[in-house]
PDB file of N, CA and C in Angstrom:
ATOM      1  N   UNK A   1     -12.118  16.767  -2.099  1.00  0.00           N
ATOM      2  CA  UNK A   1     -10.972  16.077  -2.630  1.00  0.00           C
ATOM      3  C   UNK A   1     -10.112  17.010  -3.480  1.00  0.00           C
ATOM      4  N   UNK A   2     -10.752  17.934  -4.190  1.00  0.00           N
ATOM      5  CA  UNK A   2      -9.973  18.864  -5.007  1.00  0.00           C
ATOM      6  C   UNK A   2      -9.064  19.711  -4.140  1.00  0.00           C
ATOM      7  N   UNK A   3      -9.555  20.097  -2.971  1.00  0.00           N
ATOM      8  CA  UNK A   3      -8.729  20.911  -2.075  1.00  0.00           C
ATOM      9  C   UNK A   3      -7.493  20.143  -1.648  1.00  0.00           C
ATOM     10  N   UNK A   4      -7.640  18.848  -1.406  1.00  0.00           N
ATOM     11  CA  UNK A   4      -6.483  18.036  -1.030  1.00  0.00           C
ATOM     12  C   UNK A   4      -5.492  17.962  -2.180  1.00  0.00           C
ATOM     13  N   UNK A   5      -6.005  17.798  -3.401  1.00  0.00           N
ATOM     14  CA  UNK A   5      -5.117  17.741  -4.559  1.00  0.00           C
ATOM     15  C   UNK A   5      -4.442  19.083  -4.788  1.00  0.00           C
ATOM     16  N   UNK A   6      -5.196  20.174  -4.627  1.00  0.00           N
ATOM     17  CA  UNK A   6      -4.635  21.512  -4.836  1.00  0.00           C
ATOM     18  C   UNK A   6      -3.545  21.810  -3.818  1.00  0.00           C
ATOM     19  N   UNK A   7      -3.740  21.327  -2.603  1.00  0.00           N
ATOM     20  CA  UNK A   7      -2.739  21.520  -1.551  1.00  0.00           C
ATOM     21  C   UNK A   7      -1.510  20.664  -1.802  1.00  0.00           C
ATOM     22  N   UNK A   8      -1.658  19.632  -2.586  1.00  0.00           N
ATOM     23  CA  UNK A   8      -0.539  18.736  -2.857  1.00  0.00           C
ATOM     24  C   UNK A   8      -0.123  17.981  -1.609  1.00  0.00           C
ATOM     25  N   UNK A   9      -1.078  17.752  -0.717  1.00  0.00           N
ATOM     26  CA  UNK A   9      -0.770  17.070   0.532  1.00  0.00           C
ATOM     27  C   UNK A   9       0.409  17.747   1.220  1.00  0.00           C
ATOM     28  N   UNK A  10       0.340  19.067   1.323  1.00  0.00           N
ATOM     29  CA  UNK A  10       1.458  19.828   1.879  1.00  0.00           C
ATOM     30  C   UNK A  10       1.813  19.391   3.296  1.00  0.00           C
ATOM     31  N   UNK A  11       0.861  18.834   4.016  1.00  0.00           N
ATOM     32  CA  UNK A  11       1.164  18.357   5.362  1.00  0.00           C
ATOM     33  C   UNK A  11       2.128  17.185   5.370  1.00  0.00           C
ATOM     34  N   UNK A  12       2.246  16.520   4.243  1.00  0.00           N
ATOM     35  CA  UNK A  12       3.138  15.368   4.148  1.00  0.00           C
ATOM     36  C   UNK A  12       4.574  15.742   4.432  1.00  0.00           C
ATOM     37  N   UNK A  13       4.976  16.962   4.053  1.00  0.00           N
ATOM     38  CA  UNK A  13       6.361  17.367   4.266  1.00  0.00           C
ATOM     39  C   UNK A  13       6.721  17.405   5.745  1.00  0.00           C
ATOM     40  N   UNK A  14       5.706  17.464   6.606  1.00  0.00           N
ATOM     41  CA  UNK A  14       5.962  17.481   8.041  1.00  0.00           C
ATOM     42  C   UNK A  14       6.259  16.094   8.593  1.00  0.00           C
ATOM     43  N   UNK A  15       5.889  15.068   7.838  1.00  0.00           N
ATOM     44  CA  UNK A  15       6.177  13.711   8.275  1.00  0.00           C
ATOM     45  C   UNK A  15       7.642  13.411   8.018  1.00  0.00           C
ATOM     46  N   UNK A  16       8.257  12.767   8.945  1.00  0.00           N
ATOM     47  CA  UNK A  16       9.666  12.400   8.785  1.00  0.00           C
ATOM     48  C   UNK A  16       9.734  10.960   8.310  1.00  0.00           C
ATOM     49  N   UNK A  17      10.399  10.749   7.204  1.00  0.00           N
ATOM     50  CA  UNK A  17      10.568   9.396   6.700  1.00  0.00           C
ATOM     51  C   UNK A  17      11.516   8.634   7.617  1.00  0.00           C
ATOM     52  N   UNK A  18      11.256   7.372   7.766  1.00  0.00           N
ATOM     53  CA  UNK A  18      12.093   6.543   8.617  1.00  0.00           C
ATOM     54  C   UNK A  18      13.470   6.411   7.985  1.00  0.00           C
ATOM     55  N   UNK A  19      14.476   6.738   8.757  1.00  0.00           N
ATOM     56  CA  UNK A  19      15.840   6.571   8.280  1.00  0.00           C
ATOM     57  C   UNK A  19      16.451   5.431   9.080  1.00  0.00           C
ATOM     58  N   UNK A  20      16.999   4.481   8.371  1.00  0.00           N
ATOM     59  CA  UNK A  20      17.660   3.360   9.024  1.00  0.00           C
ATOM     60  C   UNK A  20      19.153   3.583   8.835  1.00  0.00           C
ATOM     61  N   UNK A  21      19.816   4.089   9.858  1.00  0.00           N
ATOM     62  CA  UNK A  21      21.221   4.452   9.694  1.00  0.00           C
ATOM     63  C   UNK A  21      22.161   3.268   9.487  1.00  0.00           C
ATOM     64  N   UNK A  22      21.804   2.105   9.980  1.00  0.00           N
ATOM     65  CA  UNK A  22      22.656   0.925   9.831  1.00  0.00           C
ATOM     66  C   UNK A  22      22.501   0.385   8.412  1.00  0.00           C
ATOM     67  N   UNK A  23      23.564   0.438   7.591  1.00  0.00           N
ATOM     68  CA  UNK A  23      23.441   0.017   6.187  1.00  0.00           C
ATOM     69  C   UNK A  23      23.104  -1.464   6.013  1.00  0.00           C
ATOM     70  N   UNK A  24      23.553  -2.299   6.920  1.00  0.00           N
ATOM     71  CA  UNK A  24      23.243  -3.731   6.818  1.00  0.00           C
ATOM     72  C   UNK A  24      21.754  -3.951   7.078  1.00  0.00           C
ATOM     73  N   UNK A  25      21.241  -3.331   8.121  1.00  0.00           N
ATOM     74  CA  UNK A  25      19.816  -3.451   8.432  1.00  0.00           C
ATOM     75  C   UNK A  25      18.983  -2.848   7.311  1.00  0.00           C
ATOM     76  N   UNK A  26      19.384  -1.679   6.803  1.00  0.00           N
ATOM     77  CA  UNK A  26      18.662  -1.041   5.702  1.00  0.00           C
ATOM     78  C   UNK A  26      18.607  -1.973   4.493  1.00  0.00           C
ATOM     79  N   UNK A  27      19.708  -2.653   4.197  1.00  0.00           N
ATOM     80  CA  UNK A  27      19.742  -3.574   3.059  1.00  0.00           C
ATOM     81  C   UNK A  27      18.753  -4.717   3.253  1.00  0.00           C
ATOM     82  N   UNK A  28      18.675  -5.234   4.477  1.00  0.00           N
ATOM     83  CA  UNK A  28      17.732  -6.326   4.762  1.00  0.00           C
ATOM     84  C   UNK A  28      16.287  -5.845   4.636  1.00  0.00           C
ATOM     85  N   UNK A  29      16.011  -4.658   5.146  1.00  0.00           N
ATOM     86  CA  UNK A  29      14.656  -4.108   5.069  1.00  0.00           C
ATOM     87  C   UNK A  29      14.283  -3.841   3.612  1.00  0.00           C
ATOM     88  N   UNK A  30      15.218  -3.285   2.862  1.00  0.00           N
ATOM     89  CA  UNK A  30      14.980  -3.007   1.445  1.00  0.00           C
ATOM     90  C   UNK A  30      14.705  -4.299   0.680  1.00  0.00           C
ATOM     91  N   UNK A  31      15.489  -5.330   0.957  1.00  0.00           N
ATOM     92  CA  UNK A  31      15.295  -6.624   0.295  1.00  0.00           C
ATOM     93  C   UNK A  31      13.921  -7.205   0.637  1.00  0.00           C
ATOM     94  N   UNK A  32      13.536  -7.116   1.899  1.00  0.00           N
ATOM     95  CA  UNK A  32      12.234  -7.641   2.318  1.00  0.00           C
ATOM     96  C   UNK A  32      11.102  -6.874   1.639  1.00  0.00           C
ATOM     97  N   UNK A  33      11.218  -5.554   1.566  1.00  0.00           N
ATOM     98  CA  UNK A  33      10.187  -4.743   0.926  1.00  0.00           C
ATOM     99  C   UNK A  33      10.080  -5.079  -0.558  1.00  0.00           C
ATOM    100  N   UNK A  34      11.210  -5.170  -1.229  1.00  0.00           N
ATOM    101  CA  UNK A  34      11.196  -5.517  -2.659  1.00  0.00           C
ATOM    102  C   UNK A  34      10.571  -6.895  -2.882  1.00  0.00           C
ATOM    103  N   UNK A  35      10.888  -7.824  -2.010  1.00  0.00           N
ATOM    104  CA  UNK A  35      10.340  -9.169  -2.126  1.00  0.00           C
ATOM    105  C   UNK A  35       8.822  -9.153  -1.963  1.00  0.00           C
ATOM    106  N   UNK A  36       8.352  -8.416  -0.973  1.00  0.00           N
ATOM    107  CA  UNK A  36       6.919  -8.323  -0.704  1.00  0.00           C
ATOM    108  C   UNK A  36       6.204  -7.695  -1.896  1.00  0.00           C
ATOM    109  N   UNK A  37       6.739  -6.586  -2.405  1.00  0.00           N
ATOM    110  CA  UNK A  37       6.141  -5.924  -3.562  1.00  0.00           C
ATOM    111  C   UNK A  37       6.145  -6.839  -4.785  1.00  0.00           C
ATOM    112  N   UNK A  38       7.258  -7.515  -5.001  1.00  0.00           N
ATOM    113  CA  UNK A  38       7.382  -8.413  -6.148  1.00  0.00           C
ATOM    114  C   UNK A  38       6.366  -9.541  -6.073  1.00  0.00           C
ATOM    115  N   UNK A  39       6.213 -10.114  -4.893  1.00  0.00           N
ATOM    116  CA  UNK A  39       5.273 -11.228  -4.727  1.00  0.00           C
ATOM    117  C   UNK A  39       3.838 -10.779  -4.997  1.00  0.00           C
ATOM    118  N   UNK A  40       3.476  -9.611  -4.486  1.00  0.00           N
ATOM    119  CA  UNK A  40       2.124  -9.103  -4.717  1.00  0.00           C
ATOM    120  C   UNK A  40       1.906  -8.779  -6.194  1.00  0.00           C
ATOM    121  N   UNK A  41       2.907  -8.186  -6.841  1.00  0.00           N
ATOM    122  CA  UNK A  41       2.809  -7.913  -8.271  1.00  0.00           C
ATOM    123  C   UNK A  41       2.613  -9.205  -9.055  1.00  0.00           C
ATOM    124  N   UNK A  42       3.345 -10.239  -8.686  1.00  0.00           N
ATOM    125  CA  UNK A  42       3.226 -11.532  -9.355  1.00  0.00           C
ATOM    126  C   UNK A  42       1.819 -12.094  -9.194  1.00  0.00           C
ATOM    127  N   UNK A  43       1.255 -11.964  -8.010  1.00  0.00           N
ATOM    128  CA  UNK A  43      -0.112 -12.447  -7.766  1.00  0.00           C
ATOM    129  C   UNK A  43      -1.094 -11.724  -8.675  1.00  0.00           C
ATOM    130  N   UNK A  44      -0.956 -10.405  -8.790  1.00  0.00           N
ATOM    131  CA  UNK A  44      -1.858  -9.635  -9.657  1.00  0.00           C
ATOM    132  C   UNK A  44      -1.611  -9.984 -11.120  1.00  0.00           C
ATOM    133  N   UNK A  45      -0.338 -10.116 -11.513  1.00  0.00           N
ATOM    134  CA  UNK A  45      -0.010 -10.529 -12.885  1.00  0.00           C
ATOM    135  C   UNK A  45      -0.678 -11.862 -13.231  1.00  0.00           C
ATOM    136  N   UNK A  46      -0.598 -12.808 -12.316  1.00  0.00           N
ATOM    137  CA  UNK A  46      -1.184 -14.126 -12.554  1.00  0.00           C
ATOM    138  C   UNK A  46      -2.708 -14.033 -12.642  1.00  0.00           C
ATOM    139  N   UNK A  47      -3.294 -13.204 -11.788  1.00  0.00           N
ATOM    140  CA  UNK A  47      -4.749 -13.004 -11.840  1.00  0.00           C
ATOM    141  C   UNK A  47      -5.145 -12.366 -13.174  1.00  0.00           C
ATOM    142  N   UNK A  48      -4.337 -11.418 -13.656  1.00  0.00           N
ATOM    143  CA  UNK A  48      -4.607 -10.808 -14.964  1.00  0.00           C
ATOM    144  C   UNK A  48      -4.566 -11.853 -16.072  1.00  0.00           C
ATOM    145  N   UNK A  49      -3.563 -12.710 -16.028  1.00  0.00           N
ATOM    146  CA  UNK A  49      -3.411 -13.746 -17.055  1.00  0.00           C
ATOM    147  C   UNK A  49      -4.612 -14.687 -17.079  1.00  0.00           C
ATOM    148  N   UNK A  50      -5.245 -14.870 -15.936  1.00  0.00           N
ATOM    149  CA  UNK A  50      -6.430 -15.735 -15.852  1.00  0.00           C
ATOM    150  C   UNK A  50      -7.725 -14.965 -16.119  1.00  0.00           C
ATOM    151  N   UNK A  51      -7.608 -13.663 -16.398  1.00  0.00           N
ATOM    152  CA  UNK A  51      -8.794 -12.842 -16.660  1.00  0.00           C
ATOM    153  C   UNK A  51      -9.571 -12.497 -15.410  1.00  0.00           C
ATOM    154  N   UNK A  52      -8.912 -12.493 -14.274  1.00  0.00           N
ATOM    155  CA  UNK A  52      -9.593 -12.259 -12.998  1.00  0.00           C
ATOM    156  C   UNK A  52      -9.496 -10.809 -12.521  1.00  0.00           C
ATOM    157  N   UNK A  53      -8.962  -9.914 -13.351  1.00  0.00           N
ATOM    158  CA  UNK A  53      -8.867  -8.505 -12.960  1.00  0.00           C
ATOM    159  C   UNK A  53      -9.561  -7.637 -13.997  1.00  0.00           C
ATOM    160  N   UNK A  54      -9.833  -6.411 -13.599  1.00  0.00           N
ATOM    161  CA  UNK A  54     -10.351  -5.415 -14.534  1.00  0.00           C
ATOM    162  C   UNK A  54      -9.271  -5.133 -15.576  1.00  0.00           C
ATOM    163  N   UNK A  55      -9.680  -4.788 -16.799  1.00  0.00           N
ATOM    164  CA  UNK A  55      -8.684  -4.420 -17.803  1.00  0.00           C
ATOM    165  C   UNK A  55      -7.888  -3.192 -17.339  1.00  0.00           C
ATOM    166  N   UNK A  56      -6.620  -3.190 -17.627  1.00  0.00           N
ATOM    167  CA  UNK A  56      -5.794  -2.029 -17.317  1.00  0.00           C
ATOM    168  C   UNK A  56      -5.313  -1.921 -15.889  1.00  0.00           C
ATOM    169  N   UNK A  57      -5.588  -2.913 -15.065  1.00  0.00           N
ATOM    170  CA  UNK A  57      -5.102  -2.883 -13.686  1.00  0.00           C
ATOM    171  C   UNK A  57      -3.574  -2.881 -13.709  1.00  0.00           C
ATOM    172  N   UNK A  58      -2.979  -1.998 -12.925  1.00  0.00           N
ATOM    173  CA  UNK A  58      -1.519  -1.883 -12.850  1.00  0.00           C
ATOM    174  C   UNK A  58      -1.030  -2.688 -11.647  1.00  0.00           C
ATOM    175  N   UNK A  59      -0.408  -3.844 -11.871  1.00  0.00           N
ATOM    176  CA  UNK A  59       0.033  -4.692 -10.759  1.00  0.00           C
ATOM    177  C   UNK A  59       0.966  -3.971  -9.785  1.00  0.00           C
ATOM    178  N   UNK A  60       1.840  -3.121 -10.299  1.00  0.00           N
ATOM    179  CA  UNK A  60       2.755  -2.389  -9.418  1.00  0.00           C
ATOM    180  C   UNK A  60       1.988  -1.415  -8.529  1.00  0.00           C
ATOM    181  N   UNK A  61       0.992  -0.739  -9.088  1.00  0.00           N
ATOM    182  CA  UNK A  61       0.185   0.192  -8.298  1.00  0.00           C
ATOM    183  C   UNK A  61      -0.610  -0.554  -7.222  1.00  0.00           C
ATOM    184  N   UNK A  62      -1.172  -1.703  -7.578  1.00  0.00           N
ATOM    185  CA  UNK A  62      -1.930  -2.493  -6.610  1.00  0.00           C
ATOM    186  C   UNK A  62      -1.011  -2.929  -5.466  1.00  0.00           C
ATOM    187  N   UNK A  63       0.161  -3.445  -5.804  1.00  0.00           N
ATOM    188  CA  UNK A  63       1.108  -3.900  -4.779  1.00  0.00           C
ATOM    189  C   UNK A  63       1.537  -2.744  -3.873  1.00  0.00           C
ATOM    190  N   UNK A  64       1.816  -1.597  -4.480  1.00  0.00           N
ATOM    191  CA  UNK A  64       2.238  -0.433  -3.695  1.00  0.00           C
ATOM    192  C   UNK A  64       1.146   0.005  -2.737  1.00  0.00           C
ATOM    193  N   UNK A  65      -0.094   0.071  -3.215  1.00  0.00           N
ATOM    194  CA  UNK A  65      -1.202   0.488  -2.357  1.00  0.00           C
ATOM    195  C   UNK A  65      -1.392  -0.484  -1.194  1.00  0.00           C
ATOM    196  N   UNK A  66      -1.306  -1.766  -1.477  1.00  0.00           N
ATOM    197  CA  UNK A  66      -1.478  -2.765  -0.412  1.00  0.00           C
ATOM    198  C   UNK A  66      -0.375  -2.635   0.633  1.00  0.00           C
ATOM    199  N   UNK A  67       0.867  -2.605   0.201  1.00  0.00           N
ATOM    200  CA  UNK A  67       1.981  -2.524   1.160  1.00  0.00           C
ATOM    201  C   UNK A  67       1.931  -1.229   1.952  1.00  0.00           C
ATOM    202  N   UNK A  68       1.707  -0.112   1.269  1.00  0.00           N
ATOM    203  CA  UNK A  68       1.659   1.175   1.969  1.00  0.00           C
ATOM    204  C   UNK A  68       0.530   1.187   2.997  1.00  0.00           C
ATOM    205  N   UNK A  69      -0.607   0.624   2.636  1.00  0.00           N
ATOM    206  CA  UNK A  69      -1.736   0.573   3.570  1.00  0.00           C
ATOM    207  C   UNK A  69      -1.431  -0.310   4.768  1.00  0.00           C
ATOM    208  N   UNK A  70      -0.851  -1.476   4.489  1.00  0.00           N
ATOM    209  CA  UNK A  70      -0.584  -2.422   5.573  1.00  0.00           C
ATOM    210  C   UNK A  70       0.597  -2.005   6.439  1.00  0.00           C
ATOM    211  N   UNK A  71       1.428  -1.121   5.952  1.00  0.00           N
ATOM    212  CA  UNK A  71       2.515  -0.591   6.778  1.00  0.00           C
ATOM    213  C   UNK A  71       2.067   0.650   7.541  1.00  0.00           C
ATOM    214  N   UNK A  72       1.261   1.484   6.914  1.00  0.00           N
ATOM    215  CA  UNK A  72       0.834   2.732   7.545  1.00  0.00           C
ATOM    216  C   UNK A  72      -0.213   2.546   8.630  1.00  0.00           C
ATOM    217  N   UNK A  73      -1.167   1.664   8.395  1.00  0.00           N
ATOM    218  CA  UNK A  73      -2.257   1.476   9.356  1.00  0.00           C
ATOM    219  C   UNK A  73      -1.772   1.000  10.724  1.00  0.00           C
ATOM    220  N   UNK A  74      -0.857   0.036  10.805  1.00  0.00           N
ATOM    221  CA  UNK A  74      -0.374  -0.363  12.128  1.00  0.00           C
ATOM    222  C   UNK A  74       0.353   0.764  12.858  1.00  0.00           C
ATOM    223  N   UNK A  75       1.120   1.571  12.110  1.00  0.00           N
ATOM    224  CA  UNK A  75       1.814   2.689  12.724  1.00  0.00           C
ATOM    225  C   UNK A  75       0.802   3.678  13.302  1.00  0.00           C
ATOM    226  N   UNK A  76      -0.235   3.991  12.532  1.00  0.00           N
ATOM    227  CA  UNK A  76      -1.261   4.904  13.009  1.00  0.00           C
ATOM    228  C   UNK A  76      -1.981   4.326  14.222  1.00  0.00           C
ATOM    229  N   UNK A  77      -2.273   3.041  14.184  1.00  0.00           N
ATOM    230  CA  UNK A  77      -2.968   2.402  15.297  1.00  0.00           C
ATOM    231  C   UNK A  77      -2.149   2.444  16.576  1.00  0.00           C
ATOM    232  N   UNK A  78      -0.832   2.234  16.434  1.00  0.00           N
ATOM    233  CA  UNK A  78       0.026   2.315  17.633  1.00  0.00           C
ATOM    234  C   UNK A  78       0.034   3.727  18.200  1.00  0.00           C
ATOM    235  N   UNK A  79       0.171   4.710  17.332  1.00  0.00           N
ATOM    236  CA  UNK A  79       0.223   6.096  17.795  1.00  0.00           C
ATOM    237  C   UNK A  79      -1.100   6.510  18.423  1.00  0.00           C
ATOM    238  N   UNK A  80      -2.202   6.144  17.782  1.00  0.00           N
ATOM    239  CA  UNK A  80      -3.533   6.544  18.260  1.00  0.00           C
ATOM    240  C   UNK A  80      -4.092   5.618  19.337  1.00  0.00           C
ATOM    241  N   UNK A  81      -3.396   4.507  19.582  1.00  0.00           N
ATOM    242  CA  UNK A  81      -3.859   3.515  20.558  1.00  0.00           C
ATOM    243  C   UNK A  81      -5.300   3.083  20.288  1.00  0.00           C
ATOM    244  N   UNK A  82      -5.522   2.805  19.007  1.00  0.00           N
ATOM    245  CA  UNK A  82      -6.850   2.422  18.548  1.00  0.00           C
ATOM    246  C   UNK A  82      -6.688   1.565  17.296  1.00  0.00           C
ATOM    247  N   UNK A  83      -7.604   0.648  17.084  1.00  0.00           N
ATOM    248  CA  UNK A  83      -7.532  -0.164  15.870  1.00  0.00           C
ATOM    249  C   UNK A  83      -8.378   0.423  14.742  1.00  0.00           C
ATOM    250  N   UNK A  84      -8.827   1.661  14.902  1.00  0.00           N
ATOM    251  CA  UNK A  84      -9.669   2.294  13.890  1.00  0.00           C
ATOM    252  C   UNK A  84      -8.978   2.356  12.523  1.00  0.00           C
ATOM    253  N   UNK A  85      -7.722   2.745  12.476  1.00  0.00           N
ATOM    254  CA  UNK A  85      -7.005   2.828  11.197  1.00  0.00           C
ATOM    255  C   UNK A  85      -6.926   1.450  10.537  1.00  0.00           C
ATOM    256  N   UNK A  86      -6.671   0.430  11.327  1.00  0.00           N
ATOM    257  CA  UNK A  86      -6.605  -0.931  10.778  1.00  0.00           C
ATOM    258  C   UNK A  86      -7.948  -1.332  10.177  1.00  0.00           C
ATOM    259  N   UNK A  87      -9.023  -1.030  10.873  1.00  0.00           N
ATOM    260  CA  UNK A  87     -10.349  -1.381  10.381  1.00  0.00           C
ATOM    261  C   UNK A  87     -10.693  -0.613   9.114  1.00  0.00           C
ATOM    262  N   UNK A  88     -10.346   0.671   9.085  1.00  0.00           N
ATOM    263  CA  UNK A  88     -10.636   1.485   7.896  1.00  0.00           C
ATOM    264  C   UNK A  88      -9.840   0.984   6.685  1.00  0.00           C
ATOM    265  N   UNK A  89      -8.574   0.685   6.893  1.00  0.00           N
ATOM    266  CA  UNK A  89      -7.738   0.201   5.793  1.00  0.00           C
ATOM    267  C   UNK A  89      -8.246  -1.154   5.306  1.00  0.00           C
ATOM    268  N   UNK A  90      -8.618  -2.027   6.225  1.00  0.00           N
ATOM    269  CA  UNK A  90      -9.145  -3.324   5.821  1.00  0.00           C
ATOM    270  C   UNK A  90     -10.395  -3.139   4.963  1.00  0.00           C
ATOM    271  N   UNK A  91     -11.291  -2.277   5.397  1.00  0.00           N
ATOM    272  CA  UNK A  91     -12.508  -2.021   4.626  1.00  0.00           C
ATOM    273  C   UNK A  91     -12.207  -1.432   3.259  1.00  0.00           C
ATOM    274  N   UNK A  92     -11.285  -0.464   3.231  1.00  0.00           N
ATOM    275  CA  UNK A  92     -10.928   0.157   1.956  1.00  0.00           C
ATOM    276  C   UNK A  92     -10.282  -0.854   1.015  1.00  0.00           C
ATOM    277  N   UNK A  93      -9.322  -1.639   1.517  1.00  0.00           N
ATOM    278  CA  UNK A  93      -8.656  -2.623   0.660  1.00  0.00           C
ATOM    279  C   UNK A  93      -9.639  -3.670   0.149  1.00  0.00           C
ATOM    280  N   UNK A  94     -10.554  -4.111   0.996  1.00  0.00           N
ATOM    281  CA  UNK A  94     -11.563  -5.079   0.542  1.00  0.00           C
ATOM    282  C   UNK A  94     -12.385  -4.502  -0.606  1.00  0.00           C
ATOM    283  N   UNK A  95     -12.863  -3.249  -0.448  1.00  0.00           N
ATOM    284  CA  UNK A  95     -13.660  -2.616  -1.511  1.00  0.00           C
ATOM    285  C   UNK A  95     -12.819  -2.401  -2.770  1.00  0.00           C
ATOM    286  N   UNK A  96     -11.599  -1.912  -2.584  1.00  0.00           N
ATOM    287  CA  UNK A  96     -10.715  -1.634  -3.718  1.00  0.00           C
ATOM    288  C   UNK A  96     -10.448  -2.922  -4.514  1.00  0.00           C
ATOM    289  N   UNK A  97     -10.083  -3.978  -3.819  1.00  0.00           N
ATOM    290  CA  UNK A  97      -9.786  -5.240  -4.502  1.00  0.00           C
ATOM    291  C   UNK A  97     -11.028  -5.824  -5.164  1.00  0.00           C
ATOM    292  N   UNK A  98     -12.179  -5.747  -4.499  1.00  0.00           N
ATOM    293  CA  UNK A  98     -13.402  -6.296  -5.052  1.00  0.00           C
ATOM    294  C   UNK A  98     -13.966  -5.472  -6.209  1.00  0.00           C
ATOM    295  N   UNK A  99     -13.910  -4.134  -6.090  1.00  0.00           N
ATOM    296  CA  UNK A  99     -14.582  -3.276  -7.061  1.00  0.00           C
ATOM    297  C   UNK A  99     -13.672  -2.735  -8.164  1.00  0.00           C
ATOM    298  N   UNK A 100     -12.402  -2.489  -7.857  1.00  0.00           N
ATOM    299  CA  UNK A 100     -11.541  -1.844  -8.844  1.00  0.00           C
ATOM    300  C   UNK A 100     -10.484  -2.793  -9.430  1.00  0.00           C
ATOM    301  N   UNK A 101     -10.153  -3.826  -8.717  1.00  0.00           N
ATOM    302  CA  UNK A 101      -9.109  -4.737  -9.208  1.00  0.00           C
ATOM    303  C   UNK A 101      -9.719  -6.000  -9.795  1.00  0.00           C
ATOM    304  N   UNK A 102     -10.610  -6.639  -9.052  1.00  0.00           N
ATOM    305  CA  UNK A 102     -11.182  -7.906  -9.505  1.00  0.00           C
ATOM    306  C   UNK A 102     -12.044  -7.730 -10.742  1.00  0.00           C
ATOM    307  N   UNK A 103     -11.967  -8.704 -11.619  1.00  0.00           N
ATOM    308  CA  UNK A 103     -12.805  -8.685 -12.822  1.00  0.00           C
ATOM    309  C   UNK A 103     -14.251  -8.983 -12.451  1.00  0.00           C
ATOM    310  N   UNK A 104     -15.139  -8.563 -13.307  1.00  0.00           N
ATOM    311  CA  UNK A 104     -16.566  -8.768 -13.016  1.00  0.00           C
ATOM    312  C   UNK A 104     -17.079 -10.129 -13.402  1.00  0.00           C
TER     313      UNK A 104
END
């Protein structure tokens, strides 16, 4: 893991970010993404208020990890023609939510 951190994920620069040239479509996608992130943050905020999360859980970080995972895994699965990425992400998110987010 240290090697990955030291490299700074240099391979990431080779990935091309999706550009949506149509400004109207981009606005709709941006609005949908913000809504999804906001809703997930609200869910975590509410769980925190009920004492259902670990102390110090960052609702924005949790929402970002969930959305990024659920957006990236399907893309990988389509490219690889395999559901392995979906299964791995599901397993990771289940463990993350149960062990690092949920209160004991």
